[in-house]
Structures are given as C-alpha cells and as structure tokens.
C-alpha cells in the first residue's frame, strides 16, 4: 500500500497554518513590546546625556509632552523638543568633572513598564520614573517621582513616542 505523502503534508499544513500564523503574530508582538521598552529606557539615557537632536529623535515629528493626563501639550514638535532638552541640560548640567570636562548629574530611572499594542503600528504604555539630580553642592537628590503615560507610533520601522503625559506625584520645588 502506497502512503499518499503529499496529501498528508498538505492536510497537516492546512491544520497547522492558523497556529503558525498565531505564533508569528506573537513573535512580532514580543519584538514590538521589547523595542518599545528599549525606547522607554533610551529616553532616560538620551534625556540625561544625549544631544537635543537625539532627544527629539525619540519622538514622532509632531511628538508632544503634556504635564497632566489629557492636558494640553506644553512641548510639541521637533524644535520645541530640542529646546526642552537644552533647558534641562542647562538647568542640571555643566558640573566640573574630575577629568577637566563637564558632566551632568541628571538620571531618569525608568521602572514598572507596561505596554499594550493597540494596532500594527500603534501602542500605549505606562511606566514610573524617578529623576535624580545634582545641582551645585546639593545632591544627588530626588527631583521627582512621576508616571509617564505614552502613546507610541511605529514610523519607518522604528517605534517613537507620539505623546507623553507626565504626572508628577512628588516633586522637589527647591531644585
């Protein structure tokens, strides 16, 4: 008796195709969530010690920052994002370092990230951030304890922040 191998293989492929598609979708979802989490972490590093251009590159061209949930944007667009990065670096940067250069002691510590994919190229996210600074002889001290609530968009294959809402839960107004 001859076993109809091509028919068996075809039947198996038909049965397994939905599972294989789900697995591929799941792998893409894992990859997207990982890339967004890396974006969240990169934000902290770039905001602390990157250039204003690198900071603006983390956002979409029309990216915006608000300081309350659902509130109006206080920073919107590439030029405004770069200006914000410059202000922060001027405020907490340019400390003399042991090697004769200058340094910035501003650290955004990102934690407890939660990411939800809402479409093939869109997502939302939430994380905690503790910002530690040193200003003159003060510090390092905690400047603020906050939450970021974000909307993300994938553009040209890269995830970027479309809107960031910052909720400051505790802040040190003396700094």
Protein backbone atom coordinates (compact mmCIF):
# COMPACT_ATOMS: atom_id res chain seq x y z
CA UNK A 1 0.00 0.00 0.00
CA UNK A 2 1.33 3.38 -1.00
CA UNK A 3 1.07 6.20 1.58
CA UNK A 4 -0.20 9.46 0.00
CA UNK A 5 2.60 11.59 1.46
CA UNK A 6 1.87 14.84 -0.45
CA UNK A 7 -1.77 14.73 0.69
CA UNK A 8 -0.79 14.13 4.30
CA UNK A 9 1.67 17.01 4.22
CA UNK A 10 -0.93 19.29 2.61
CA UNK A 11 -3.52 18.32 5.24
CA UNK A 12 -1.05 18.92 8.06
CA UNK A 13 -0.12 22.32 6.66
CA UNK A 14 -3.79 23.30 6.47
CA UNK A 15 -4.29 22.22 10.07
CA UNK A 16 -1.13 23.90 11.37
CA UNK A 17 -1.33 27.14 9.35
CA UNK A 18 -3.51 29.03 11.89
CA UNK A 19 -1.20 28.03 14.74
CA UNK A 20 1.85 29.07 12.74
CA UNK A 21 0.27 32.45 11.94
CA UNK A 22 -0.59 32.99 15.60
CA UNK A 23 2.98 32.12 16.57
CA UNK A 24 4.34 34.60 14.01
CA UNK A 25 1.95 37.30 15.30
CA UNK A 26 3.01 36.51 18.85
CA UNK A 27 6.69 36.79 17.94
CA UNK A 28 6.06 40.17 16.31
CA UNK A 29 4.16 41.34 19.39
CA UNK A 30 7.04 40.27 21.64
CA UNK A 31 9.52 42.06 19.37
CA UNK A 32 7.41 45.24 19.30
CA UNK A 33 6.98 45.30 23.09
CA UNK A 34 10.72 44.77 23.52
CA UNK A 35 11.55 47.61 21.13
CA UNK A 36 9.12 49.94 22.91
CA UNK A 37 10.63 49.03 26.28
CA UNK A 38 14.08 49.83 24.87
CA UNK A 39 12.68 53.17 23.68
CA UNK A 40 11.45 53.89 27.23
CA UNK A 41 14.92 53.17 28.63
CA UNK A 42 16.71 55.04 25.83
CA UNK A 43 14.60 58.10 26.67
CA UNK A 44 16.19 58.21 30.14
CA UNK A 45 19.73 57.84 28.82
CA UNK A 46 19.32 60.34 25.98
CA UNK A 47 17.49 62.90 28.15
CA UNK A 48 20.29 62.69 30.70
CA UNK A 49 23.33 62.79 28.45
CA UNK A 50 22.33 62.89 24.80
CA UNK A 51 22.13 65.79 22.39
CA UNK A 52 18.93 67.77 21.82
CA UNK A 53 18.72 66.20 18.34
CA UNK A 54 18.95 62.68 19.79
CA UNK A 55 16.23 63.60 22.28
CA UNK A 56 13.90 64.87 19.54
CA UNK A 57 14.60 61.69 17.51
CA UNK A 58 12.87 59.65 20.23
CA UNK A 59 9.58 61.32 19.27
CA UNK A 60 7.46 61.47 16.13
CA UNK A 61 7.84 64.69 14.12
CA UNK A 62 4.69 66.02 15.83
CA UNK A 63 5.59 64.45 19.19
CA UNK A 64 4.34 66.19 22.29
CA UNK A 65 4.66 66.33 26.06
CA UNK A 66 1.88 67.24 28.48
CA UNK A 67 2.14 67.55 32.26
CA UNK A 68 -1.26 66.18 33.15
CA UNK A 69 -3.41 63.31 31.88
CA UNK A 70 -5.39 64.58 28.90
CA UNK A 71 -3.91 68.05 29.37
CA UNK A 72 -2.69 70.37 26.64
CA UNK A 73 0.78 69.85 25.20
CA UNK A 74 3.40 72.16 26.68
CA UNK A 75 6.02 70.97 24.20
CA UNK A 76 5.09 70.00 20.63
CA UNK A 77 7.20 69.30 17.58
CA UNK A 78 10.87 68.71 16.92
CA UNK A 79 12.15 72.24 17.57
CA UNK A 80 10.27 72.55 20.87
CA UNK A 81 11.54 69.12 21.99
CA UNK A 82 15.14 70.15 21.27
CA UNK A 83 14.64 73.41 23.18
CA UNK A 84 13.27 71.43 26.15
CA UNK A 85 16.34 69.16 26.15
CA UNK A 86 18.63 72.22 26.10
CA UNK A 87 16.78 73.80 29.04
CA UNK A 88 17.06 70.64 31.12
CA UNK A 89 20.78 70.29 30.36
CA UNK A 90 21.41 73.92 31.25
CA UNK A 91 19.49 73.52 34.49
CA UNK A 92 21.25 70.36 35.68
CA UNK A 93 24.40 70.16 33.54
CA UNK A 94 27.82 71.63 33.19
CA UNK A 95 29.22 70.49 36.54
CA UNK A 96 33.03 70.26 36.52
CA UNK A 97 34.23 66.66 36.35
CA UNK A 98 37.46 65.16 37.70
CA UNK A 99 38.86 64.77 34.17
CA UNK A 100 38.56 68.51 33.47
CA UNK A 101 35.43 68.12 31.33
CA UNK A 102 31.88 68.90 32.38
CA UNK A 103 29.23 66.42 33.41
CA UNK A 104 25.53 66.31 34.03
CA UNK A 105 24.08 64.62 37.07
CA UNK A 106 20.52 64.05 35.94
CA UNK A 107 19.26 60.48 35.87
CA UNK A 108 15.84 59.32 34.78
CA UNK A 109 15.32 55.88 36.34
CA UNK A 110 12.56 54.12 34.40
CA UNK A 111 10.71 51.17 36.00
CA UNK A 112 7.48 49.14 36.09
CA UNK A 113 6.82 49.45 32.36
CA UNK A 114 3.55 48.18 30.92
CA UNK A 115 3.00 48.17 27.16
CA UNK A 116 -0.19 47.46 25.20
CA UNK A 117 -0.12 47.04 21.44
CA UNK A 118 -3.21 48.74 20.02
CA UNK A 119 -2.51 48.12 16.33
CA UNK A 120 0.23 47.04 13.96
CA UNK A 121 1.92 50.44 14.27
CA UNK A 122 0.44 51.88 17.47
CA UNK A 123 0.77 51.19 21.17
CA UNK A 124 0.25 52.72 24.59
CA UNK A 125 2.49 52.46 27.60
CA UNK A 126 2.90 53.37 31.22
CA UNK A 127 5.95 53.48 33.49
CA UNK A 128 7.27 55.04 36.66
CA UNK A 129 10.20 57.44 36.60
CA UNK A 130 12.35 58.68 39.45
CA UNK A 131 14.53 61.64 38.49
CA UNK A 132 17.74 62.12 40.47
CA UNK A 133 19.81 65.32 40.08
CA UNK A 134 22.81 67.11 41.48
CA UNK A 135 22.84 70.88 41.35
CA UNK A 136 25.89 72.65 42.72
CA UNK A 137 26.57 71.35 46.22
CA UNK A 138 23.09 69.83 46.51
CA UNK A 139 22.69 66.16 45.76
CA UNK A 140 22.40 63.77 44.35
CA UNK A 141 18.76 64.08 45.44
CA UNK A 142 15.40 63.03 44.09
CA UNK A 143 13.94 65.79 41.94
CA UNK A 144 10.66 63.99 41.26
CA UNK A 145 8.72 60.76 41.35
CA UNK A 146 6.44 60.60 38.34
CA UNK A 147 4.45 58.48 35.91
CA UNK A 148 4.71 58.56 32.14
CA UNK A 149 1.62 57.63 30.15
CA UNK A 150 2.59 57.32 26.50
CA UNK A 151 1.23 56.81 23.02
CA UNK A 152 3.66 55.27 20.54
CA UNK A 153 3.73 55.07 16.76
CA UNK A 154 5.93 52.96 14.50
CA UNK A 155 7.27 55.10 11.67
CA UNK A 156 9.74 53.87 9.05
CA UNK A 157 10.08 50.67 11.07
CA UNK A 158 11.04 52.45 14.32
CA UNK A 159 8.93 52.97 17.41
CA UNK A 160 8.73 56.58 18.59
CA UNK A 161 6.89 58.49 21.31
CA UNK A 162 3.88 60.30 19.86
CA UNK A 163 2.58 61.77 23.14
CA UNK A 164 3.96 61.64 26.66
CA UNK A 165 1.82 62.69 29.60
CA UNK A 166 3.89 63.31 32.73
CA UNK A 167 2.14 63.05 36.08
CA UNK A 168 4.40 64.33 38.86
CA UNK A 169 3.39 62.58 42.07
CA UNK A 170 6.13 64.11 44.25
CA UNK A 171 8.48 66.92 43.34
CA UNK A 172 11.26 68.94 44.97
CA UNK A 173 10.41 72.54 44.09
CA UNK A 174 13.64 73.84 45.69
CA UNK A 175 15.65 72.42 42.80
